[in-house]
Amino acid sequence: MSRVKQFKTIDEQIEILKDKGLIINNVEKTKEILLRENYFFISGYRHIFLKYPKASEFIDGTTFEELYSVFTFDRNIRNVMFKYLLIVENNLKSIISYHLSKKYGYKEKEYLRMSNFTTEISKHRQVADVIGKMKRQIRVNAKQHTATLHYLTNYGYIPMWILVKVLSFGIISEMFNILKYDDKKEISNFYGIDVDDLSVFLPIMSNYRNLCAHEDMLYNYKTQRSIPNNKYHDLLNITRIDNEYIYGKNDLYSLVIMFKYMLTKDDFRLLIYELGYEIDLLDGKVDIVGVDKILDTIGFPTNWRDILDL
């Protein structure tokens, strides 16, 4: 039976860190940070600084400033990723709503017909479920958002290009999965992605979007599902172990690879520059562990920037 965690004062938290070998150069500043940021969240980044896996002691010479720098690095790259995930989400909603409205109509009673979606028996319940979620969003959000209220009040319906604004990335991902193959194909072609690959990308990106929105730890996160092998794994000469690529499959670099497909060239270039800035900034703040070790933790190969010109 695990021991119950008891409340610790800021002073007690600092003593715990000191007992584990962490150097505290500025006690007052450290107290302020722990109070503002939360000891639990900051200590979640300690693993990369420990003497060995499952150890409780820090590598000799590790400072609180270095531990905190990894915490702030994670926050900064999370904000970068979140910004571009929102761009992908908005673009995807626009493309899907345009295609479906053009093909099936712009009133909800038209574009939400069961017959507009896959007729696969195995997905019949899923189709009904997703349509139900979309109708529920109309009921819940129709009078809470200016655009939806405007259309409902003045026209008596909500066109899909307005409805998608109140749908989550998760629901959009589910909706893509139940579209007819021809519709999936047309949407996938816009990105130059295989239908099956995009079907994998979207739920993973939705998952990352939720992680970012809730400020969960991102830098060492591993997704349950891996993205399919693609040309960028080969072009970057990513190492294989047991015939599996060691980077860019279910780590943060896999998200970069997905962005390569789904962002415009200009947006992707900005993404790489912003990530590079944060990595270079971190490199100047950590001494005990090299930045290559941190890159390895987040799943970035050492030549990660090369994807920009591929």
C-alpha atoms as a PDB file:
ATOM      1  CA  MET A   1       0.000   0.000   0.000  1.00  0.00           C
ATOM      2  CA  SER A   2       1.479   3.367  -1.051  1.00  0.00           C
ATOM      3  CA  ARG A   3       2.162   6.011   1.539  1.00  0.00           C
ATOM      4  CA  VAL A   4      -0.166   8.990   1.699  1.00  0.00           C
ATOM      5  CA  LYS A   5       1.494  12.155   0.390  1.00  0.00           C
ATOM      6  CA  GLN A   6       1.344  14.880   3.003  1.00  0.00           C
ATOM      7  CA  PHE A   7       1.383  18.635   2.570  1.00  0.00           C
ATOM      8  CA  LYS A   8       4.847  20.183   2.559  1.00  0.00           C
ATOM      9  CA  THR A   9       5.650  23.838   3.132  1.00  0.00           C
ATOM     10  CA  ILE A  10       7.853  25.675   0.613  1.00  0.00           C
ATOM     11  CA  ASP A  11      10.770  25.451   3.073  1.00  0.00           C
ATOM     12  CA  GLU A  12      10.228  21.703   3.422  1.00  0.00           C
ATOM     13  CA  GLN A  13      10.074  21.335  -0.364  1.00  0.00           C
ATOM     14  CA  ILE A  14      13.434  23.094  -0.681  1.00  0.00           C
ATOM     15  CA  GLU A  15      14.977  20.834   1.948  1.00  0.00           C
ATOM     16  CA  ILE A  16      13.725  17.750   0.087  1.00  0.00           C
ATOM     17  CA  LEU A  17      15.402  19.002  -3.106  1.00  0.00           C
ATOM     18  CA  LYS A  18      18.626  19.779  -1.221  1.00  0.00           C
ATOM     19  CA  ASP A  19      18.627  16.327   0.413  1.00  0.00           C
ATOM     20  CA  LYS A  20      18.491  14.822  -3.088  1.00  0.00           C
ATOM     21  CA  GLY A  21      21.583  16.762  -4.105  1.00  0.00           C
ATOM     22  CA  LEU A  22      20.022  19.700  -5.952  1.00  0.00           C
ATOM     23  CA  ILE A  23      21.988  22.926  -5.582  1.00  0.00           C
ATOM     24  CA  ILE A  24      19.858  25.923  -4.552  1.00  0.00           C
ATOM     25  CA  ASN A  25      21.810  29.095  -5.392  1.00  0.00           C
ATOM     26  CA  ASN A  26      19.062  31.598  -4.616  1.00  0.00           C
ATOM     27  CA  VAL A  27      16.718  30.405  -1.893  1.00  0.00           C
ATOM     28  CA  GLU A  28      14.306  33.333  -2.029  1.00  0.00           C
ATOM     29  CA  LYS A  29      13.975  33.163  -5.803  1.00  0.00           C
ATOM     30  CA  THR A  30      13.460  29.394  -5.608  1.00  0.00           C
ATOM     31  CA  LYS A  31      10.715  29.864  -3.000  1.00  0.00           C
ATOM     32  CA  GLU A  32       8.955  32.327  -5.266  1.00  0.00           C
ATOM     33  CA  ILE A  33       9.132  29.952  -8.244  1.00  0.00           C
ATOM     34  CA  LEU A  34       7.911  26.943  -6.249  1.00  0.00           C
ATOM     35  CA  LEU A  35       4.970  28.927  -4.924  1.00  0.00           C
ATOM     36  CA  ARG A  36       4.065  30.318  -8.329  1.00  0.00           C
ATOM     37  CA  GLU A  37       4.649  27.208 -10.448  1.00  0.00           C
ATOM     38  CA  ASN A  38       3.962  24.278  -8.066  1.00  0.00           C
ATOM     39  CA  TYR A  39       6.618  21.918  -6.691  1.00  0.00           C
ATOM     40  CA  PHE A  40       4.890  18.851  -8.126  1.00  0.00           C
ATOM     41  CA  PHE A  41       5.038  20.096 -11.716  1.00  0.00           C
ATOM     42  CA  ILE A  42       8.622  21.321 -11.535  1.00  0.00           C
ATOM     43  CA  SER A  43       9.864  18.119  -9.882  1.00  0.00           C
ATOM     44  CA  GLY A  44       8.268  16.192 -12.758  1.00  0.00           C
ATOM     45  CA  TYR A  45      11.229  17.300 -14.878  1.00  0.00           C
ATOM     46  CA  ARG A  46      13.865  15.904 -12.542  1.00  0.00           C
ATOM     47  CA  HIS A  47      14.286  12.526 -14.263  1.00  0.00           C
ATOM     48  CA  ILE A  48      16.708  13.753 -16.888  1.00  0.00           C
ATOM     49  CA  PHE A  49      18.999  15.043 -14.118  1.00  0.00           C
ATOM     50  CA  LEU A  50      19.039  11.924 -11.934  1.00  0.00           C
ATOM     51  CA  LYS A  51      22.200   9.855 -11.506  1.00  0.00           C
ATOM     52  CA  TYR A  52      20.567   6.802 -13.043  1.00  0.00           C
ATOM     53  CA  PRO A  53      17.024   5.641 -13.900  1.00  0.00           C
ATOM     54  CA  LYS A  54      14.799   5.339 -10.809  1.00  0.00           C
ATOM     55  CA  ALA A  55      17.414   7.059  -8.660  1.00  0.00           C
ATOM     56  CA  SER A  56      16.315   9.789  -6.268  1.00  0.00           C
ATOM     57  CA  GLU A  57      19.627  11.683  -6.227  1.00  0.00           C
ATOM     58  CA  PHE A  58      20.542  14.359  -8.734  1.00  0.00           C
ATOM     59  CA  ILE A  59      23.737  14.256 -10.786  1.00  0.00           C
ATOM     60  CA  ASP A  60      26.443  16.087  -8.852  1.00  0.00           C
ATOM     61  CA  GLY A  61      26.393  19.787  -9.638  1.00  0.00           C
ATOM     62  CA  THR A  62      22.773  19.976 -10.824  1.00  0.00           C
ATOM     63  CA  THR A  63      21.219  23.332  -9.962  1.00  0.00           C
ATOM     64  CA  PHE A  64      17.616  24.365  -9.471  1.00  0.00           C
ATOM     65  CA  GLU A  65      18.108  26.861 -12.291  1.00  0.00           C
ATOM     66  CA  GLU A  66      18.827  24.004 -14.708  1.00  0.00           C
ATOM     67  CA  LEU A  67      15.817  22.016 -13.529  1.00  0.00           C
ATOM     68  CA  TYR A  68      13.614  25.079 -13.904  1.00  0.00           C
ATOM     69  CA  SER A  69      15.049  25.805 -17.352  1.00  0.00           C
ATOM     70  CA  VAL A  70      13.756  22.440 -18.616  1.00  0.00           C
ATOM     71  CA  PHE A  71      10.366  23.228 -17.093  1.00  0.00           C
ATOM     72  CA  THR A  72      10.229  26.592 -18.897  1.00  0.00           C
ATOM     73  CA  PHE A  73      11.562  25.001 -22.098  1.00  0.00           C
ATOM     74  CA  ASP A  74       8.674  22.551 -22.040  1.00  0.00           C
ATOM     75  CA  ARG A  75       6.208  25.390 -21.469  1.00  0.00           C
ATOM     76  CA  ASN A  76       7.644  27.382 -24.356  1.00  0.00           C
ATOM     77  CA  ILE A  77       7.657  24.544 -26.890  1.00  0.00           C
ATOM     78  CA  ARG A  78       4.161  23.577 -25.731  1.00  0.00           C
ATOM     79  CA  ASN A  79       3.009  27.113 -26.556  1.00  0.00           C
ATOM     80  CA  VAL A  80       4.716  26.912 -29.955  1.00  0.00           C
ATOM     81  CA  MET A  81       3.142  23.560 -30.769  1.00  0.00           C
ATOM     82  CA  PHE A  82      -0.260  24.732 -29.560  1.00  0.00           C
ATOM     83  CA  LYS A  83      -0.186  27.749 -31.864  1.00  0.00           C
ATOM     84  CA  TYR A  84       0.442  25.596 -34.926  1.00  0.00           C
ATOM     85  CA  LEU A  85      -2.021  22.919 -33.844  1.00  0.00           C
ATOM     86  CA  LEU A  86      -4.683  25.624 -33.778  1.00  0.00           C
ATOM     87  CA  ILE A  87      -3.686  26.632 -37.304  1.00  0.00           C
ATOM     88  CA  VAL A  88      -4.015  23.019 -38.484  1.00  0.00           C
ATOM     89  CA  GLU A  89      -7.340  22.684 -36.669  1.00  0.00           C
ATOM     90  CA  ASN A  90      -8.744  25.829 -38.259  1.00  0.00           C
ATOM     91  CA  ASN A  91      -7.530  24.866 -41.745  1.00  0.00           C
ATOM     92  CA  LEU A  92      -8.936  21.351 -41.432  1.00  0.00           C
ATOM     93  CA  LYS A  93     -12.329  22.639 -40.296  1.00  0.00           C
ATOM     94  CA  SER A  94     -12.433  25.061 -43.208  1.00  0.00           C
ATOM     95  CA  ILE A  95     -11.521  22.400 -45.781  1.00  0.00           C
ATOM     96  CA  ILE A  96     -13.965  19.809 -44.432  1.00  0.00           C
ATOM     97  CA  SER A  97     -16.857  22.251 -44.107  1.00  0.00           C
ATOM     98  CA  TYR A  98     -16.282  23.637 -47.606  1.00  0.00           C
ATOM     99  CA  HIS A  99     -16.167  20.190 -49.209  1.00  0.00           C
ATOM    100  CA  LEU A 100     -19.169  18.774 -47.354  1.00  0.00           C
ATOM    101  CA  SER A 101     -21.281  21.923 -47.784  1.00  0.00           C
ATOM    102  CA  LYS A 102     -20.577  21.976 -51.515  1.00  0.00           C
ATOM    103  CA  LYS A 103     -21.502  18.318 -51.868  1.00  0.00           C
ATOM    104  CA  TYR A 104     -24.325  17.805 -49.371  1.00  0.00           C
ATOM    105  CA  GLY A 105     -25.814  21.233 -48.655  1.00  0.00           C
ATOM    106  CA  TYR A 106     -25.302  24.004 -46.119  1.00  0.00           C
ATOM    107  CA  LYS A 107     -28.200  23.385 -43.705  1.00  0.00           C
ATOM    108  CA  GLU A 108     -27.714  20.977 -40.812  1.00  0.00           C
ATOM    109  CA  LYS A 109     -30.684  18.864 -41.898  1.00  0.00           C
ATOM    110  CA  GLU A 110     -28.824  18.365 -45.185  1.00  0.00           C
ATOM    111  CA  TYR A 111     -25.182  17.888 -44.188  1.00  0.00           C
ATOM    112  CA  LEU A 112     -25.990  15.766 -41.107  1.00  0.00           C
ATOM    113  CA  ARG A 113     -27.931  13.076 -42.956  1.00  0.00           C
ATOM    114  CA  MET A 114     -26.806   9.545 -42.147  1.00  0.00           C
ATOM    115  CA  SER A 115     -26.641   8.808 -45.873  1.00  0.00           C
ATOM    116  CA  ASN A 116     -23.807  11.330 -46.282  1.00  0.00           C
ATOM    117  CA  PHE A 117     -21.452   9.140 -44.261  1.00  0.00           C
ATOM    118  CA  THR A 118     -19.928   5.700 -44.617  1.00  0.00           C
ATOM    119  CA  THR A 119     -22.340   2.801 -45.063  1.00  0.00           C
ATOM    120  CA  GLU A 120     -19.964   0.288 -43.464  1.00  0.00           C
ATOM    121  CA  ILE A 121     -22.019  -1.837 -41.077  1.00  0.00           C
ATOM    122  CA  SER A 122     -19.196  -1.876 -38.529  1.00  0.00           C
ATOM    123  CA  LYS A 123     -19.298   1.928 -38.314  1.00  0.00           C
ATOM    124  CA  HIS A 124     -23.060   2.414 -38.221  1.00  0.00           C
ATOM    125  CA  ARG A 125     -23.120   3.044 -34.465  1.00  0.00           C
ATOM    126  CA  GLN A 126     -20.119   5.355 -34.717  1.00  0.00           C
ATOM    127  CA  VAL A 127     -21.820   7.401 -37.444  1.00  0.00           C
ATOM    128  CA  ALA A 128     -24.930   7.801 -35.294  1.00  0.00           C
ATOM    129  CA  ASP A 129     -22.793   8.721 -32.287  1.00  0.00           C
ATOM    130  CA  VAL A 130     -20.782  11.421 -34.099  1.00  0.00           C
ATOM    131  CA  ILE A 131     -23.880  12.945 -35.698  1.00  0.00           C
ATOM    132  CA  GLY A 132     -25.459  12.954 -32.232  1.00  0.00           C
ATOM    133  CA  LYS A 133     -22.433  14.804 -30.829  1.00  0.00           C
ATOM    134  CA  MET A 134     -22.658  17.416 -33.566  1.00  0.00           C
ATOM    135  CA  LYS A 135     -26.372  17.959 -33.015  1.00  0.00           C
ATOM    136  CA  ARG A 136     -25.729  18.236 -29.284  1.00  0.00           C
ATOM    137  CA  GLN A 137     -23.136  20.957 -29.928  1.00  0.00           C
ATOM    138  CA  ILE A 138     -25.737  22.834 -31.950  1.00  0.00           C
ATOM    139  CA  ARG A 139     -28.196  22.661 -29.054  1.00  0.00           C
ATOM    140  CA  VAL A 140     -25.639  23.576 -26.402  1.00  0.00           C
ATOM    141  CA  ASN A 141     -23.679  26.263 -28.238  1.00  0.00           C
ATOM    142  CA  ALA A 142     -26.185  27.775 -30.650  1.00  0.00           C
ATOM    143  CA  LYS A 143     -27.156  30.624 -28.338  1.00  0.00           C
ATOM    144  CA  GLN A 144     -23.736  31.088 -26.727  1.00  0.00           C
ATOM    145  CA  HIS A 145     -21.740  32.143 -29.787  1.00  0.00           C
ATOM    146  CA  THR A 146     -22.399  35.271 -31.831  1.00  0.00           C
ATOM    147  CA  ALA A 147     -22.048  33.611 -35.237  1.00  0.00           C
ATOM    148  CA  THR A 148     -24.247  30.594 -34.486  1.00  0.00           C
ATOM    149  CA  LEU A 149     -26.856  32.770 -32.778  1.00  0.00           C
ATOM    150  CA  HIS A 150     -26.888  35.131 -35.772  1.00  0.00           C
ATOM    151  CA  TYR A 151     -27.606  32.360 -38.278  1.00  0.00           C
ATOM    152  CA  LEU A 152     -30.126  30.624 -36.048  1.00  0.00           C
ATOM    153  CA  THR A 153     -32.000  33.850 -35.316  1.00  0.00           C
ATOM    154  CA  ASN A 154     -31.978  35.275 -38.836  1.00  0.00           C
ATOM    155  CA  TYR A 155     -32.069  32.177 -41.027  1.00  0.00           C
ATOM    156  CA  GLY A 156     -33.234  29.321 -38.820  1.00  0.00           C
ATOM    157  CA  TYR A 157     -30.232  27.092 -39.490  1.00  0.00           C
ATOM    158  CA  ILE A 158     -26.484  26.890 -38.842  1.00  0.00           C
ATOM    159  CA  PRO A 159     -24.273  26.296 -41.892  1.00  0.00           C
ATOM    160  CA  MET A 160     -21.413  23.874 -41.462  1.00  0.00           C
ATOM    161  CA  TRP A 161     -18.729  26.534 -41.902  1.00  0.00           C
ATOM    162  CA  ILE A 162     -20.161  28.163 -38.781  1.00  0.00           C
ATOM    163  CA  LEU A 163     -20.843  24.948 -36.864  1.00  0.00           C
ATOM    164  CA  VAL A 164     -17.225  23.776 -37.099  1.00  0.00           C
ATOM    165  CA  LYS A 165     -16.136  26.736 -34.960  1.00  0.00           C
ATOM    166  CA  VAL A 166     -17.833  25.153 -31.940  1.00  0.00           C
ATOM    167  CA  LEU A 167     -16.746  21.583 -32.694  1.00  0.00           C
ATOM    168  CA  SER A 168     -13.660  20.230 -30.970  1.00  0.00           C
ATOM    169  CA  PHE A 169     -10.657  18.903 -32.883  1.00  0.00           C
ATOM    170  CA  GLY A 170     -11.620  15.509 -31.448  1.00  0.00           C
ATOM    171  CA  ILE A 171     -15.094  15.574 -32.994  1.00  0.00           C
ATOM    172  CA  ILE A 172     -13.665  16.758 -36.324  1.00  0.00           C
ATOM    173  CA  SER A 173     -11.221  13.843 -36.195  1.00  0.00           C
ATOM    174  CA  GLU A 174     -14.058  11.414 -35.492  1.00  0.00           C
ATOM    175  CA  MET A 175     -16.125  12.905 -38.289  1.00  0.00           C
ATOM    176  CA  PHE A 176     -13.303  12.437 -40.811  1.00  0.00           C
ATOM    177  CA  ASN A 177     -13.147   8.780 -39.838  1.00  0.00           C
ATOM    178  CA  ILE A 178     -16.811   8.205 -40.742  1.00  0.00           C
ATOM    179  CA  LEU A 179     -16.811  10.040 -44.067  1.00  0.00           C
ATOM    180  CA  LYS A 180     -17.255   8.166 -47.315  1.00  0.00           C
ATOM    181  CA  TYR A 181     -13.940   7.164 -48.856  1.00  0.00           C
ATOM    182  CA  ASP A 182     -14.272   9.595 -51.784  1.00  0.00           C
ATOM    183  CA  ASP A 183     -14.748  12.483 -49.365  1.00  0.00           C
ATOM    184  CA  LYS A 184     -11.788  11.383 -47.256  1.00  0.00           C
ATOM    185  CA  LYS A 185      -9.723  11.123 -50.425  1.00  0.00           C
ATOM    186  CA  GLU A 186     -10.525  14.650 -51.581  1.00  0.00           C
ATOM    187  CA  ILE A 187      -9.649  16.110 -48.178  1.00  0.00           C
ATOM    188  CA  SER A 188      -6.446  14.044 -47.920  1.00  0.00           C
ATOM    189  CA  ASN A 189      -5.401  15.095 -51.421  1.00  0.00           C
ATOM    190  CA  PHE A 190      -5.408  18.727 -50.330  1.00  0.00           C
ATOM    191  CA  TYR A 191      -2.556  17.877 -47.959  1.00  0.00           C
ATOM    192  CA  GLY A 192      -0.897  15.368 -50.265  1.00  0.00           C
ATOM    193  CA  ILE A 193      -1.426  12.660 -47.637  1.00  0.00           C
ATOM    194  CA  ASP A 194      -2.653   9.114 -47.980  1.00  0.00           C
ATOM    195  CA  VAL A 195      -6.164   8.626 -46.537  1.00  0.00           C
ATOM    196  CA  ASP A 196      -4.971   6.008 -44.046  1.00  0.00           C
ATOM    197  CA  ASP A 197      -2.129   8.265 -42.870  1.00  0.00           C
ATOM    198  CA  LEU A 198      -4.420  11.234 -42.297  1.00  0.00           C
ATOM    199  CA  SER A 199      -6.800   8.948 -40.396  1.00  0.00           C
ATOM    200  CA  VAL A 200      -3.901   8.242 -38.014  1.00  0.00           C
ATOM    201  CA  PHE A 201      -2.608  11.816 -37.886  1.00  0.00           C
ATOM    202  CA  LEU A 202      -5.829  13.506 -36.803  1.00  0.00           C
ATOM    203  CA  PRO A 203      -6.566  11.703 -33.504  1.00  0.00           C
ATOM    204  CA  ILE A 204      -2.898  11.998 -32.515  1.00  0.00           C
ATOM    205  CA  MET A 205      -2.878  15.725 -33.263  1.00  0.00           C
ATOM    206  CA  SER A 206      -6.147  16.105 -31.373  1.00  0.00           C
ATOM    207  CA  ASN A 207      -4.514  14.389 -28.405  1.00  0.00           C
ATOM    208  CA  TYR A 208      -1.536  16.758 -28.556  1.00  0.00           C
ATOM    209  CA  ARG A 209      -3.891  19.713 -28.843  1.00  0.00           C
ATOM    210  CA  ASN A 210      -5.603  18.681 -25.597  1.00  0.00           C
ATOM    211  CA  LEU A 211      -2.267  18.162 -23.843  1.00  0.00           C
ATOM    212  CA  CYS A 212      -1.178  21.657 -24.824  1.00  0.00           C
ATOM    213  CA  ALA A 213      -4.486  23.245 -23.857  1.00  0.00           C
ATOM    214  CA  HIS A 214      -4.298  21.717 -20.380  1.00  0.00           C
ATOM    215  CA  GLU A 215      -0.588  22.504 -19.921  1.00  0.00           C
ATOM    216  CA  ASP A 216       0.384  18.862 -19.447  1.00  0.00           C
ATOM    217  CA  MET A 217       4.013  17.788 -19.669  1.00  0.00           C
ATOM    218  CA  LEU A 218       4.862  17.584 -23.351  1.00  0.00           C
ATOM    219  CA  TYR A 219       8.580  17.158 -23.917  1.00  0.00           C
ATOM    220  CA  ASN A 220       8.826  13.455 -22.976  1.00  0.00           C
ATOM    221  CA  TYR A 221       5.258  12.454 -23.846  1.00  0.00           C
ATOM    222  CA  LYS A 222       4.756   9.293 -25.885  1.00  0.00           C
ATOM    223  CA  THR A 223       1.506   8.649 -27.751  1.00  0.00           C
ATOM    224  CA  GLN A 224      -0.115   5.232 -27.617  1.00  0.00           C
ATOM    225  CA  ARG A 225      -0.338   5.107 -31.385  1.00  0.00           C
ATOM    226  CA  SER A 226       2.594   5.654 -33.730  1.00  0.00           C
ATOM    227  CA  ILE A 227       2.471   7.468 -37.043  1.00  0.00           C
ATOM    228  CA  PRO A 228       3.158   5.326 -40.126  1.00  0.00           C
ATOM    229  CA  ASN A 229       6.683   5.157 -41.537  1.00  0.00           C
ATOM    230  CA  ASN A 230       7.095   7.829 -44.202  1.00  0.00           C
ATOM    231  CA  LYS A 231       9.678   9.383 -46.488  1.00  0.00           C
ATOM    232  CA  TYR A 232      10.944  11.811 -43.850  1.00  0.00           C
ATOM    233  CA  HIS A 233      12.139   8.992 -41.611  1.00  0.00           C
ATOM    234  CA  ASP A 234      14.284   7.757 -44.492  1.00  0.00           C
ATOM    235  CA  LEU A 235      15.426  11.153 -45.757  1.00  0.00           C
ATOM    236  CA  LEU A 236      16.619  12.102 -42.264  1.00  0.00           C
ATOM    237  CA  ASN A 237      18.416   8.745 -41.935  1.00  0.00           C
ATOM    238  CA  ILE A 238      16.775   8.142 -38.577  1.00  0.00           C
ATOM    239  CA  THR A 239      18.303   5.144 -36.832  1.00  0.00           C
ATOM    240  CA  ARG A 240      16.378   1.893 -36.648  1.00  0.00           C
ATOM    241  CA  ILE A 241      16.490  -0.629 -33.821  1.00  0.00           C
ATOM    242  CA  ASP A 242      14.773  -3.967 -34.457  1.00  0.00           C
ATOM    243  CA  ASN A 243      13.565  -2.421 -37.720  1.00  0.00           C
ATOM    244  CA  GLU A 244      11.748   0.390 -35.869  1.00  0.00           C
ATOM    245  CA  TYR A 245      12.705   4.056 -36.168  1.00  0.00           C
ATOM    246  CA  ILE A 246      13.829   5.373 -32.792  1.00  0.00           C
ATOM    247  CA  TYR A 247      12.606   8.939 -33.438  1.00  0.00           C
ATOM    248  CA  GLY A 248       9.569  10.481 -35.081  1.00  0.00           C
ATOM    249  CA  LYS A 249       7.073   7.707 -34.416  1.00  0.00           C
ATOM    250  CA  ASN A 250       5.217   8.372 -31.139  1.00  0.00           C
ATOM    251  CA  ASP A 251       7.245  11.250 -29.719  1.00  0.00           C
ATOM    252  CA  LEU A 252       7.242  15.002 -30.129  1.00  0.00           C
ATOM    253  CA  TYR A 253       9.177  14.814 -33.385  1.00  0.00           C
ATOM    254  CA  SER A 254       6.336  12.780 -34.881  1.00  0.00           C
ATOM    255  CA  LEU A 255       4.243  15.917 -34.407  1.00  0.00           C
ATOM    256  CA  VAL A 256       6.854  17.919 -36.324  1.00  0.00           C
ATOM    257  CA  ILE A 257       6.624  15.378 -39.159  1.00  0.00           C
ATOM    258  CA  MET A 258       2.829  15.680 -39.200  1.00  0.00           C
ATOM    259  CA  PHE A 259       3.166  19.461 -39.317  1.00  0.00           C
ATOM    260  CA  LYS A 260       5.451  19.065 -42.338  1.00  0.00           C
ATOM    261  CA  TYR A 261       2.513  17.586 -44.212  1.00  0.00           C
ATOM    262  CA  MET A 262      -0.247  19.805 -42.866  1.00  0.00           C
ATOM    263  CA  LEU A 263       1.202  23.313 -42.584  1.00  0.00           C
ATOM    264  CA  THR A 264       2.036  25.661 -45.428  1.00  0.00           C
ATOM    265  CA  LYS A 265       5.738  25.995 -46.235  1.00  0.00           C
ATOM    266  CA  ASP A 266       5.861  29.428 -44.632  1.00  0.00           C
ATOM    267  CA  ASP A 267       4.142  28.303 -41.433  1.00  0.00           C
ATOM    268  CA  PHE A 268       6.341  25.215 -41.193  1.00  0.00           C
ATOM    269  CA  ARG A 269       9.454  27.337 -41.601  1.00  0.00           C
ATOM    270  CA  LEU A 270       8.296  29.592 -38.759  1.00  0.00           C
ATOM    271  CA  LEU A 271       7.603  26.532 -36.592  1.00  0.00           C
ATOM    272  CA  ILE A 272      11.139  25.207 -37.093  1.00  0.00           C
ATOM    273  CA  TYR A 273      12.661  28.625 -36.390  1.00  0.00           C
ATOM    274  CA  GLU A 274      10.646  29.002 -33.187  1.00  0.00           C
ATOM    275  CA  LEU A 275      11.540  25.503 -31.971  1.00  0.00           C
ATOM    276  CA  GLY A 276      15.172  26.128 -32.871  1.00  0.00           C
ATOM    277  CA  TYR A 277      15.179  29.347 -30.858  1.00  0.00           C
ATOM    278  CA  GLU A 278      13.872  27.542 -27.747  1.00  0.00           C
ATOM    279  CA  ILE A 279      16.366  24.676 -28.121  1.00  0.00           C
ATOM    280  CA  ASP A 280      19.282  27.091 -28.596  1.00  0.00           C
ATOM    281  CA  LEU A 281      18.094  29.086 -25.576  1.00  0.00           C
ATOM    282  CA  LEU A 282      17.986  25.930 -23.466  1.00  0.00           C
ATOM    283  CA  ASP A 283      21.443  24.920 -24.671  1.00  0.00           C
ATOM    284  CA  GLY A 284      22.835  28.027 -22.998  1.00  0.00           C
ATOM    285  CA  LYS A 285      21.154  27.200 -19.676  1.00  0.00           C
ATOM    286  CA  VAL A 286      22.029  23.539 -19.057  1.00  0.00           C
ATOM    287  CA  ASP A 287      25.526  22.255 -18.298  1.00  0.00           C
ATOM    288  CA  ILE A 288      25.059  19.043 -16.328  1.00  0.00           C
ATOM    289  CA  VAL A 289      23.173  17.346 -19.152  1.00  0.00           C
ATOM    290  CA  GLY A 290      23.867  18.236 -22.758  1.00  0.00           C
ATOM    291  CA  VAL A 291      21.150  19.518 -25.032  1.00  0.00           C
ATOM    292  CA  ASP A 292      21.570  16.332 -27.118  1.00  0.00           C
ATOM    293  CA  LYS A 293      20.261  14.318 -24.167  1.00  0.00           C
ATOM    294  CA  ILE A 294      17.218  16.562 -23.978  1.00  0.00           C
ATOM    295  CA  LEU A 295      16.702  16.272 -27.740  1.00  0.00           C
ATOM    296  CA  ASP A 296      16.847  12.490 -27.350  1.00  0.00           C
ATOM    297  CA  THR A 297      14.193  12.706 -24.631  1.00  0.00           C
ATOM    298  CA  ILE A 298      11.793  14.658 -26.826  1.00  0.00           C
ATOM    299  CA  GLY A 299      12.492  12.352 -29.773  1.00  0.00           C
ATOM    300  CA  PHE A 300      14.425  14.826 -31.918  1.00  0.00           C
ATOM    301  CA  PRO A 301      17.305  13.432 -33.996  1.00  0.00           C
ATOM    302  CA  THR A 302      20.438  15.627 -33.947  1.00  0.00           C
ATOM    303  CA  ASN A 303      19.717  16.682 -37.552  1.00  0.00           C
ATOM    304  CA  TRP A 304      16.097  17.532 -36.750  1.00  0.00           C
ATOM    305  CA  ARG A 305      16.284  20.905 -38.509  1.00  0.00           C
ATOM    306  CA  ASP A 306      17.071  19.267 -41.849  1.00  0.00           C
ATOM    307  CA  ILE A 307      13.393  18.440 -42.359  1.00  0.00           C
ATOM    308  CA  LEU A 308      12.903  22.108 -43.250  1.00  0.00           C
ATOM    309  CA  ASP A 309      14.628  21.688 -46.618  1.00  0.00           C
ATOM    310  CA  LEU A 310      13.325  18.215 -47.510  1.00  0.00           C
END
